[in-house]
């Protein structure tokens, strides 16, 4: 894992790219269009990334057949999940948190391109405590959901979001 200053610089660079994409395309476009343009912007800025990175989670040390897809893994230590929805929900956050936890990635960003002004949330994953922290270092608490409801959202996120084996092109065709 990289040092904190380097990680903050990575995040700063990535957030700049996110703002640039939203500024250029505006609000309300299809999520996959934003992803395509974000890939271009990250390349233009020489930010290393993997798009639609596929991984298989493990159960008791054995790989599962279930397939997860991360929208972007930037510089090997920052997950970026893109959305184009009216508002971010606990299920959207749970998807990001599960990726961070399963891969032990220290930083995650979820961006919602749909609103007039992009919504960008940043989270840390503390591997030792296995806790998700907000960008100000406090434990994440979803004030809209109780603990049981958040646990169900996390479980639903695991079951529904990650078992798809469709490629981005197939999901894009479904969205049309």
N, C-alpha and C. Protein backbone atom coordinates (compact mmCIF):
# COMPACT_ATOMS: atom_id res chain seq x y z
N UNK A 1 0.84 -1.19 0.00
CA UNK A 1 0.00 0.00 0.00
C UNK A 1 0.88 1.24 0.00
N UNK A 2 0.43 2.28 -0.66
CA UNK A 2 1.19 3.50 -0.77
C UNK A 2 1.02 4.36 0.49
N UNK A 3 1.90 5.36 0.64
CA UNK A 3 1.77 6.23 1.80
C UNK A 3 0.57 7.17 1.63
N UNK A 4 0.16 7.79 2.71
CA UNK A 4 -1.05 8.60 2.76
C UNK A 4 -0.99 9.79 1.81
N UNK A 5 0.14 10.46 1.75
CA UNK A 5 0.26 11.64 0.88
C UNK A 5 0.09 11.23 -0.58
N UNK A 6 0.73 10.15 -0.97
CA UNK A 6 0.61 9.68 -2.34
C UNK A 6 -0.83 9.28 -2.67
N UNK A 7 -1.49 8.60 -1.73
CA UNK A 7 -2.88 8.21 -1.93
C UNK A 7 -3.78 9.43 -2.07
N UNK A 8 -3.57 10.44 -1.24
CA UNK A 8 -4.36 11.68 -1.35
C UNK A 8 -4.15 12.34 -2.70
N UNK A 9 -2.92 12.33 -3.20
CA UNK A 9 -2.65 12.90 -4.52
C UNK A 9 -3.35 12.11 -5.62
N UNK A 10 -3.37 10.79 -5.50
CA UNK A 10 -4.10 9.95 -6.47
C UNK A 10 -5.56 10.34 -6.49
N UNK A 11 -6.14 10.44 -5.31
CA UNK A 11 -7.57 10.76 -5.20
C UNK A 11 -7.84 12.15 -5.77
N UNK A 12 -6.99 13.08 -5.47
CA UNK A 12 -7.14 14.45 -5.99
C UNK A 12 -7.14 14.43 -7.52
N UNK A 13 -6.22 13.70 -8.12
CA UNK A 13 -6.15 13.59 -9.58
C UNK A 13 -7.41 12.97 -10.16
N UNK A 14 -7.90 11.91 -9.51
CA UNK A 14 -9.08 11.20 -9.99
C UNK A 14 -10.32 12.07 -9.87
N UNK A 15 -10.48 12.76 -8.74
CA UNK A 15 -11.63 13.64 -8.55
C UNK A 15 -11.61 14.76 -9.59
N UNK A 16 -10.44 15.27 -9.91
CA UNK A 16 -10.33 16.28 -10.96
C UNK A 16 -10.84 15.75 -12.29
N UNK A 17 -10.51 14.50 -12.61
CA UNK A 17 -10.98 13.88 -13.84
C UNK A 17 -12.51 13.72 -13.81
N UNK A 18 -13.06 13.34 -12.66
CA UNK A 18 -14.51 13.18 -12.53
C UNK A 18 -15.23 14.51 -12.78
N UNK A 19 -14.70 15.57 -12.19
CA UNK A 19 -15.30 16.89 -12.39
C UNK A 19 -15.21 17.32 -13.85
N UNK A 20 -14.10 17.03 -14.48
CA UNK A 20 -13.91 17.38 -15.89
C UNK A 20 -14.93 16.68 -16.78
N UNK A 21 -15.16 15.40 -16.52
CA UNK A 21 -16.13 14.62 -17.30
C UNK A 21 -17.53 15.21 -17.14
N UNK A 22 -17.91 15.49 -15.90
CA UNK A 22 -19.25 16.04 -15.66
C UNK A 22 -19.38 17.43 -16.26
N UNK A 23 -18.35 18.21 -16.17
CA UNK A 23 -18.38 19.57 -16.73
C UNK A 23 -18.56 19.53 -18.24
N UNK A 24 -17.91 18.58 -18.89
CA UNK A 24 -17.98 18.47 -20.35
C UNK A 24 -19.30 17.87 -20.83
N UNK A 25 -19.76 16.80 -20.19
CA UNK A 25 -20.97 16.10 -20.65
C UNK A 25 -22.26 16.65 -20.06
N UNK A 26 -22.18 17.24 -18.87
CA UNK A 26 -23.38 17.71 -18.21
C UNK A 26 -24.11 16.58 -17.50
N UNK A 27 -25.32 16.88 -17.08
CA UNK A 27 -26.10 15.94 -16.27
C UNK A 27 -27.01 15.06 -17.12
N UNK A 28 -27.37 13.90 -16.55
CA UNK A 28 -28.46 13.09 -17.09
C UNK A 28 -28.17 12.17 -18.24
N UNK A 29 -26.91 11.91 -18.55
CA UNK A 29 -26.57 11.01 -19.65
C UNK A 29 -26.44 9.59 -19.11
N UNK A 30 -26.46 8.62 -19.98
CA UNK A 30 -26.33 7.21 -19.63
C UNK A 30 -25.00 6.96 -18.90
N UNK A 31 -25.06 6.12 -17.86
CA UNK A 31 -23.88 5.80 -17.04
C UNK A 31 -22.70 5.31 -17.87
N UNK A 32 -22.97 4.50 -18.89
CA UNK A 32 -21.89 3.92 -19.68
C UNK A 32 -21.19 4.96 -20.54
N UNK A 33 -21.90 6.00 -20.93
CA UNK A 33 -21.26 7.12 -21.66
C UNK A 33 -20.28 7.83 -20.74
N UNK A 34 -20.69 8.06 -19.49
CA UNK A 34 -19.78 8.69 -18.53
C UNK A 34 -18.54 7.81 -18.32
N UNK A 35 -18.75 6.51 -18.22
CA UNK A 35 -17.62 5.60 -18.02
C UNK A 35 -16.65 5.66 -19.20
N UNK A 36 -17.19 5.68 -20.40
CA UNK A 36 -16.33 5.73 -21.58
C UNK A 36 -15.50 7.01 -21.60
N UNK A 37 -16.15 8.13 -21.31
CA UNK A 37 -15.45 9.41 -21.32
C UNK A 37 -14.48 9.49 -20.14
N UNK A 38 -14.84 8.92 -19.00
CA UNK A 38 -13.91 8.91 -17.87
C UNK A 38 -12.64 8.13 -18.23
N UNK A 39 -12.78 7.04 -18.93
CA UNK A 39 -11.60 6.28 -19.38
C UNK A 39 -10.71 7.16 -20.26
N UNK A 40 -11.32 7.92 -21.15
CA UNK A 40 -10.55 8.84 -22.00
C UNK A 40 -9.84 9.89 -21.16
N UNK A 41 -10.58 10.46 -20.20
CA UNK A 41 -10.01 11.52 -19.36
C UNK A 41 -8.87 11.00 -18.48
N UNK A 42 -9.04 9.83 -17.91
CA UNK A 42 -7.97 9.24 -17.10
C UNK A 42 -6.73 8.99 -17.96
N UNK A 43 -6.93 8.52 -19.17
CA UNK A 43 -5.80 8.30 -20.10
C UNK A 43 -5.12 9.62 -20.43
N UNK A 44 -5.92 10.64 -20.73
CA UNK A 44 -5.36 11.95 -21.06
C UNK A 44 -4.52 12.51 -19.92
N UNK A 45 -4.90 12.18 -18.69
CA UNK A 45 -4.17 12.67 -17.52
C UNK A 45 -3.07 11.71 -17.06
N UNK A 46 -2.82 10.66 -17.83
CA UNK A 46 -1.81 9.65 -17.49
C UNK A 46 -2.05 9.01 -16.13
N UNK A 47 -3.33 8.79 -15.81
CA UNK A 47 -3.70 8.09 -14.59
C UNK A 47 -3.91 6.62 -14.96
N UNK A 48 -3.11 5.75 -14.39
CA UNK A 48 -3.22 4.32 -14.69
C UNK A 48 -4.53 3.79 -14.13
N UNK A 49 -5.22 2.98 -14.92
CA UNK A 49 -6.49 2.41 -14.48
C UNK A 49 -6.79 1.12 -15.21
N UNK A 50 -7.67 0.34 -14.59
CA UNK A 50 -8.25 -0.84 -15.23
C UNK A 50 -9.75 -0.60 -15.24
N UNK A 51 -10.36 -0.76 -16.39
CA UNK A 51 -11.80 -0.55 -16.51
C UNK A 51 -12.51 -1.90 -16.47
N UNK A 52 -13.64 -1.94 -15.77
CA UNK A 52 -14.43 -3.16 -15.60
C UNK A 52 -13.56 -4.33 -15.16
N UNK A 53 -12.78 -4.06 -14.13
CA UNK A 53 -11.90 -5.11 -13.58
C UNK A 53 -12.76 -6.21 -12.96
N UNK A 54 -12.54 -7.41 -13.41
CA UNK A 54 -13.30 -8.57 -12.94
C UNK A 54 -12.49 -9.27 -11.86
N UNK A 55 -13.20 -9.70 -10.80
CA UNK A 55 -12.55 -10.54 -9.80
C UNK A 55 -13.59 -11.50 -9.22
N UNK A 56 -13.08 -12.55 -8.63
CA UNK A 56 -13.92 -13.56 -7.99
C UNK A 56 -13.63 -13.53 -6.50
N UNK A 57 -14.67 -13.38 -5.66
CA UNK A 57 -14.44 -13.40 -4.22
C UNK A 57 -14.07 -14.80 -3.74
N UNK A 58 -13.56 -14.87 -2.54
CA UNK A 58 -13.15 -16.13 -1.95
C UNK A 58 -14.04 -16.49 -0.77
N UNK A 59 -14.24 -17.78 -0.59
CA UNK A 59 -14.93 -18.29 0.59
C UNK A 59 -14.02 -19.32 1.22
N UNK A 60 -13.59 -19.03 2.45
CA UNK A 60 -12.67 -19.92 3.18
C UNK A 60 -11.48 -20.31 2.31
N UNK A 61 -10.93 -19.32 1.63
CA UNK A 61 -9.73 -19.53 0.84
C UNK A 61 -9.96 -20.10 -0.55
N UNK A 62 -11.21 -20.41 -0.89
CA UNK A 62 -11.52 -20.99 -2.20
C UNK A 62 -12.22 -19.95 -3.06
N UNK A 63 -11.80 -19.81 -4.33
CA UNK A 63 -12.46 -18.83 -5.20
C UNK A 63 -13.89 -19.27 -5.53
N UNK A 64 -14.77 -18.31 -5.54
CA UNK A 64 -16.17 -18.57 -5.90
C UNK A 64 -16.34 -18.34 -7.40
N UNK A 65 -17.41 -18.90 -7.97
CA UNK A 65 -17.73 -18.64 -9.37
C UNK A 65 -18.34 -17.26 -9.57
N UNK A 66 -18.91 -16.69 -8.51
CA UNK A 66 -19.53 -15.37 -8.60
C UNK A 66 -18.51 -14.38 -9.14
N UNK A 67 -18.97 -13.52 -10.00
CA UNK A 67 -18.09 -12.57 -10.67
C UNK A 67 -18.49 -11.14 -10.31
N UNK A 68 -17.52 -10.37 -9.90
CA UNK A 68 -17.73 -8.97 -9.57
C UNK A 68 -17.02 -8.12 -10.63
N UNK A 69 -17.57 -6.96 -10.91
CA UNK A 69 -16.94 -6.02 -11.85
C UNK A 69 -16.84 -4.65 -11.22
N UNK A 70 -15.64 -4.16 -11.14
CA UNK A 70 -15.41 -2.82 -10.64
C UNK A 70 -15.38 -1.89 -11.85
N UNK A 71 -16.08 -0.75 -11.76
CA UNK A 71 -16.07 0.18 -12.89
C UNK A 71 -14.63 0.58 -13.23
N UNK A 72 -13.89 1.06 -12.23
CA UNK A 72 -12.50 1.47 -12.43
C UNK A 72 -11.68 1.14 -11.19
N UNK A 73 -10.50 0.60 -11.40
CA UNK A 73 -9.49 0.49 -10.36
C UNK A 73 -8.35 1.38 -10.82
N UNK A 74 -8.15 2.49 -10.13
CA UNK A 74 -7.16 3.49 -10.53
C UNK A 74 -5.90 3.36 -9.69
N UNK A 75 -4.77 3.34 -10.36
CA UNK A 75 -3.46 3.30 -9.72
C UNK A 75 -3.32 2.15 -8.73
N UNK A 76 -4.14 1.13 -8.90
CA UNK A 76 -4.03 -0.06 -8.07
C UNK A 76 -4.58 0.07 -6.66
N UNK A 77 -4.99 1.28 -6.25
CA UNK A 77 -5.43 1.42 -4.86
C UNK A 77 -6.65 2.33 -4.66
N UNK A 78 -7.33 2.68 -5.73
CA UNK A 78 -8.53 3.51 -5.62
C UNK A 78 -9.62 2.91 -6.52
N UNK A 79 -10.74 2.51 -5.90
CA UNK A 79 -11.88 2.01 -6.66
C UNK A 79 -12.79 3.19 -6.98
N UNK A 80 -13.25 3.27 -8.23
CA UNK A 80 -14.21 4.30 -8.63
C UNK A 80 -15.44 3.60 -9.17
N UNK A 81 -16.57 3.87 -8.55
CA UNK A 81 -17.86 3.36 -9.01
C UNK A 81 -18.67 4.52 -9.56
N UNK A 82 -19.15 4.38 -10.78
CA UNK A 82 -19.90 5.43 -11.47
C UNK A 82 -21.38 5.10 -11.46
N UNK A 83 -22.19 6.11 -11.21
CA UNK A 83 -23.64 5.98 -11.25
C UNK A 83 -24.21 7.17 -12.02
N UNK A 84 -25.40 6.97 -12.55
CA UNK A 84 -26.17 8.06 -13.17
C UNK A 84 -27.62 7.82 -12.74
N UNK A 85 -27.90 8.18 -11.50
CA UNK A 85 -29.20 7.93 -10.87
C UNK A 85 -29.70 9.20 -10.20
N UNK A 86 -30.99 9.24 -9.89
CA UNK A 86 -31.54 10.46 -9.29
C UNK A 86 -30.89 10.76 -7.94
N UNK A 87 -30.57 9.73 -7.16
CA UNK A 87 -29.83 9.93 -5.91
C UNK A 87 -29.14 8.63 -5.52
N UNK A 88 -28.01 8.76 -4.86
CA UNK A 88 -27.28 7.59 -4.39
C UNK A 88 -28.03 6.96 -3.22
N UNK A 89 -28.00 5.64 -3.16
CA UNK A 89 -28.69 4.91 -2.09
C UNK A 89 -27.69 4.09 -1.29
N UNK A 90 -28.18 3.52 -0.21
CA UNK A 90 -27.34 2.64 0.61
C UNK A 90 -26.88 1.43 -0.18
N UNK A 91 -27.69 0.96 -1.10
CA UNK A 91 -27.30 -0.18 -1.93
C UNK A 91 -26.13 0.18 -2.83
N UNK A 92 -26.12 1.40 -3.38
CA UNK A 92 -24.99 1.85 -4.20
C UNK A 92 -23.71 1.90 -3.36
N UNK A 93 -23.84 2.46 -2.15
CA UNK A 93 -22.67 2.55 -1.27
C UNK A 93 -22.21 1.15 -0.86
N UNK A 94 -23.16 0.27 -0.57
CA UNK A 94 -22.82 -1.09 -0.17
C UNK A 94 -22.02 -1.80 -1.25
N UNK A 95 -22.36 -1.55 -2.50
CA UNK A 95 -21.60 -2.15 -3.61
C UNK A 95 -20.14 -1.72 -3.52
N UNK A 96 -19.90 -0.42 -3.37
CA UNK A 96 -18.53 0.09 -3.25
C UNK A 96 -17.85 -0.50 -2.02
N UNK A 97 -18.55 -0.50 -0.87
CA UNK A 97 -17.95 -0.99 0.36
C UNK A 97 -17.57 -2.46 0.25
N UNK A 98 -18.41 -3.25 -0.39
CA UNK A 98 -18.08 -4.67 -0.57
C UNK A 98 -16.84 -4.85 -1.44
N UNK A 99 -16.74 -4.09 -2.51
CA UNK A 99 -15.53 -4.17 -3.34
C UNK A 99 -14.30 -3.85 -2.51
N UNK A 100 -14.37 -2.75 -1.75
CA UNK A 100 -13.22 -2.34 -0.95
C UNK A 100 -12.84 -3.42 0.05
N UNK A 101 -13.84 -3.99 0.71
CA UNK A 101 -13.60 -5.00 1.74
C UNK A 101 -13.05 -6.29 1.13
N UNK A 102 -13.66 -6.75 0.05
CA UNK A 102 -13.24 -8.02 -0.55
C UNK A 102 -11.83 -7.95 -1.14
N UNK A 103 -11.47 -6.80 -1.69
CA UNK A 103 -10.15 -6.65 -2.30
C UNK A 103 -9.13 -5.97 -1.39
N UNK A 104 -9.61 -5.53 -0.22
CA UNK A 104 -8.74 -4.81 0.73
C UNK A 104 -8.10 -3.59 0.07
N UNK A 105 -8.92 -2.87 -0.68
CA UNK A 105 -8.49 -1.63 -1.34
C UNK A 105 -8.76 -0.47 -0.39
N UNK A 106 -7.77 0.39 -0.13
CA UNK A 106 -7.91 1.39 0.93
C UNK A 106 -8.83 2.57 0.63
N UNK A 107 -9.10 2.82 -0.62
CA UNK A 107 -9.87 4.02 -0.92
C UNK A 107 -10.91 3.74 -1.99
N UNK A 108 -12.08 4.31 -1.80
CA UNK A 108 -13.16 4.15 -2.77
C UNK A 108 -13.87 5.47 -3.01
N UNK A 109 -14.27 5.66 -4.25
CA UNK A 109 -15.01 6.86 -4.65
C UNK A 109 -16.26 6.39 -5.37
N UNK A 110 -17.40 6.97 -5.00
CA UNK A 110 -18.63 6.74 -5.75
C UNK A 110 -19.05 8.10 -6.29
N UNK A 111 -19.34 8.12 -7.59
CA UNK A 111 -19.73 9.38 -8.23
C UNK A 111 -21.09 9.19 -8.89
N UNK A 112 -21.94 10.17 -8.69
CA UNK A 112 -23.23 10.19 -9.35
C UNK A 112 -23.22 11.34 -10.34
N UNK A 113 -23.21 11.02 -11.63
CA UNK A 113 -23.14 12.02 -12.68
C UNK A 113 -24.50 12.61 -13.04
N UNK A 114 -25.60 12.01 -12.58
CA UNK A 114 -26.93 12.41 -13.02
C UNK A 114 -27.34 13.83 -12.62
N UNK A 115 -27.08 14.25 -11.36
CA UNK A 115 -27.53 15.58 -10.95
C UNK A 115 -26.81 16.72 -11.68
N UNK A 116 -27.34 17.91 -11.52
CA UNK A 116 -26.74 19.10 -12.14
C UNK A 116 -25.27 19.25 -11.71
N UNK A 117 -25.00 18.99 -10.45
CA UNK A 117 -23.63 19.02 -9.93
C UNK A 117 -23.28 17.59 -9.51
N UNK A 118 -22.18 17.07 -10.00
CA UNK A 118 -21.78 15.70 -9.69
C UNK A 118 -21.68 15.50 -8.18
N UNK A 119 -22.22 14.38 -7.71
CA UNK A 119 -22.08 13.99 -6.31
C UNK A 119 -20.90 13.03 -6.21
N UNK A 120 -19.92 13.40 -5.43
CA UNK A 120 -18.72 12.57 -5.29
C UNK A 120 -18.51 12.30 -3.81
N UNK A 121 -18.54 11.02 -3.45
CA UNK A 121 -18.32 10.61 -2.07
C UNK A 121 -17.04 9.79 -2.01
N UNK A 122 -16.23 10.04 -0.99
CA UNK A 122 -14.96 9.36 -0.81
C UNK A 122 -14.99 8.58 0.51
N UNK A 123 -14.46 7.36 0.46
CA UNK A 123 -14.44 6.51 1.64
C UNK A 123 -13.09 5.81 1.77
N UNK A 124 -12.71 5.53 3.02
CA UNK A 124 -11.51 4.76 3.34
C UNK A 124 -11.93 3.41 3.87
N UNK A 125 -11.10 2.40 3.62
CA UNK A 125 -11.32 1.08 4.23
C UNK A 125 -10.13 0.80 5.13
N UNK A 126 -10.40 0.64 6.42
CA UNK A 126 -9.36 0.30 7.39
C UNK A 126 -9.30 -1.22 7.49
N UNK A 127 -8.24 -1.79 6.94
CA UNK A 127 -8.11 -3.24 6.88
C UNK A 127 -8.07 -3.86 8.27
N UNK A 128 -7.38 -3.21 9.20
CA UNK A 128 -7.25 -3.77 10.55
C UNK A 128 -8.60 -3.86 11.26
N UNK A 129 -9.36 -2.77 11.26
CA UNK A 129 -10.66 -2.77 11.95
C UNK A 129 -11.78 -3.27 11.05
N UNK A 130 -11.50 -3.43 9.75
CA UNK A 130 -12.48 -3.81 8.75
C UNK A 130 -13.67 -2.85 8.76
N UNK A 131 -13.34 -1.57 8.87
CA UNK A 131 -14.35 -0.54 9.00
C UNK A 131 -14.26 0.43 7.82
N UNK A 132 -15.40 0.88 7.37
CA UNK A 132 -15.45 1.92 6.34
C UNK A 132 -15.49 3.26 7.05
N UNK A 133 -14.62 4.16 6.60
CA UNK A 133 -14.54 5.49 7.20
C UNK A 133 -14.88 6.54 6.15
N UNK A 134 -15.48 7.63 6.61
CA UNK A 134 -15.77 8.75 5.71
C UNK A 134 -14.48 9.51 5.43
N UNK A 135 -14.54 10.46 4.51
CA UNK A 135 -13.33 11.20 4.15
C UNK A 135 -12.77 12.02 5.31
N UNK A 136 -13.58 12.26 6.34
CA UNK A 136 -13.05 12.97 7.51
C UNK A 136 -12.58 12.01 8.61
N UNK A 137 -12.50 10.71 8.29
CA UNK A 137 -11.94 9.73 9.20
C UNK A 137 -12.90 9.14 10.21
N UNK A 138 -14.19 9.48 10.11
CA UNK A 138 -15.19 8.96 11.06
C UNK A 138 -15.83 7.70 10.47
N UNK A 139 -16.24 6.77 11.34
CA UNK A 139 -16.92 5.57 10.83
C UNK A 139 -18.17 5.94 10.05
N UNK A 140 -18.39 5.25 8.92
CA UNK A 140 -19.56 5.53 8.10
C UNK A 140 -20.80 5.06 8.84
N UNK A 141 -21.79 5.93 8.90
CA UNK A 141 -23.09 5.58 9.47
C UNK A 141 -24.13 6.07 8.49
N UNK A 142 -24.96 5.17 8.05
CA UNK A 142 -26.06 5.57 7.18
C UNK A 142 -27.21 5.99 8.08
N UNK A 143 -27.43 7.27 8.16
CA UNK A 143 -28.45 7.81 9.07
C UNK A 143 -29.87 7.49 8.60
N UNK A 144 -30.00 7.08 7.34
CA UNK A 144 -31.32 6.76 6.83
C UNK A 144 -31.73 5.33 7.12
N UNK A 145 -30.76 4.47 7.40
CA UNK A 145 -31.05 3.06 7.65
C UNK A 145 -30.51 2.64 9.01
N UNK A 146 -31.22 1.75 9.66
CA UNK A 146 -30.72 1.14 10.87
C UNK A 146 -29.69 0.09 10.52
N UNK A 147 -29.03 -0.48 11.51
CA UNK A 147 -27.98 -1.47 11.27
C UNK A 147 -28.51 -2.68 10.51
N UNK A 148 -29.68 -3.17 10.87
CA UNK A 148 -30.25 -4.34 10.18
C UNK A 148 -30.57 -4.03 8.73
N UNK A 149 -31.10 -2.84 8.48
CA UNK A 149 -31.42 -2.45 7.10
C UNK A 149 -30.16 -2.27 6.27
N UNK A 150 -29.11 -1.70 6.86
CA UNK A 150 -27.86 -1.54 6.13
C UNK A 150 -27.25 -2.92 5.84
N UNK A 151 -27.33 -3.83 6.80
CA UNK A 151 -26.81 -5.19 6.56
C UNK A 151 -27.56 -5.85 5.40
N UNK A 152 -28.88 -5.66 5.35
CA UNK A 152 -29.66 -6.22 4.24
C UNK A 152 -29.27 -5.57 2.92
N UNK A 153 -29.01 -4.26 2.94
CA UNK A 153 -28.58 -3.57 1.72
C UNK A 153 -27.24 -4.12 1.25
N UNK A 154 -26.33 -4.36 2.19
CA UNK A 154 -25.03 -4.95 1.83
C UNK A 154 -25.22 -6.33 1.23
N UNK A 155 -26.09 -7.14 1.84
CA UNK A 155 -26.33 -8.48 1.34
C UNK A 155 -26.97 -8.44 -0.04
N UNK A 156 -27.97 -7.58 -0.22
CA UNK A 156 -28.63 -7.44 -1.51
C UNK A 156 -27.63 -7.01 -2.57
N UNK A 157 -26.75 -6.08 -2.19
CA UNK A 157 -25.72 -5.62 -3.11
C UNK A 157 -24.83 -6.77 -3.54
N UNK A 158 -24.45 -7.61 -2.59
CA UNK A 158 -23.60 -8.77 -2.92
C UNK A 158 -24.31 -9.71 -3.87
N UNK A 159 -25.58 -9.97 -3.60
CA UNK A 159 -26.29 -10.97 -4.38
C UNK A 159 -26.67 -10.47 -5.77
N UNK A 160 -27.09 -9.22 -5.88
CA UNK A 160 -27.64 -8.77 -7.15
C UNK A 160 -26.64 -8.08 -8.06
N UNK A 161 -25.69 -7.37 -7.50
CA UNK A 161 -24.82 -6.55 -8.34
C UNK A 161 -23.63 -7.31 -8.90
N UNK A 162 -23.25 -8.41 -8.28
CA UNK A 162 -21.97 -8.97 -8.61
C UNK A 162 -22.00 -10.30 -9.34
N UNK A 163 -23.15 -10.87 -9.49
CA UNK A 163 -23.23 -12.18 -10.12
C UNK A 163 -23.36 -12.08 -11.64
N UNK A 164 -23.54 -10.89 -12.13
CA UNK A 164 -23.70 -10.70 -13.57
C UNK A 164 -22.39 -10.98 -14.27
N UNK A 165 -22.47 -11.78 -15.33
CA UNK A 165 -21.28 -12.04 -16.13
C UNK A 165 -21.35 -11.30 -17.45
N UNK A 166 -22.27 -10.32 -17.53
CA UNK A 166 -22.39 -9.56 -18.76
C UNK A 166 -21.23 -8.58 -18.89
N UNK A 167 -20.80 -8.38 -20.09
CA UNK A 167 -19.76 -7.39 -20.34
C UNK A 167 -20.39 -6.01 -20.30
N UNK A 168 -19.57 -4.99 -20.30
CA UNK A 168 -20.07 -3.61 -20.34
C UNK A 168 -20.92 -3.36 -21.57
N UNK A 169 -20.53 -3.92 -22.70
CA UNK A 169 -21.27 -3.73 -23.94
C UNK A 169 -22.65 -4.37 -23.82
N UNK A 170 -22.71 -5.57 -23.21
CA UNK A 170 -24.00 -6.23 -23.03
C UNK A 170 -24.89 -5.44 -22.08
N UNK A 171 -24.31 -4.92 -20.98
CA UNK A 171 -25.10 -4.12 -20.03
C UNK A 171 -25.54 -2.82 -20.69
N UNK A 172 -24.68 -2.25 -21.53
CA UNK A 172 -25.02 -1.01 -22.23
C UNK A 172 -26.20 -1.26 -23.17
N UNK A 173 -26.20 -2.39 -23.86
CA UNK A 173 -27.31 -2.72 -24.76
C UNK A 173 -28.60 -2.90 -23.97
N UNK A 174 -28.50 -3.50 -22.77
CA UNK A 174 -29.68 -3.66 -21.92
C UNK A 174 -30.25 -2.33 -21.49
N UNK A 175 -29.39 -1.34 -21.31
CA UNK A 175 -29.83 -0.03 -20.82
C UNK A 175 -30.54 0.77 -21.90
N UNK A 176 -30.36 0.39 -23.15
CA UNK A 176 -30.98 1.16 -24.25
C UNK A 176 -32.41 0.83 -24.46
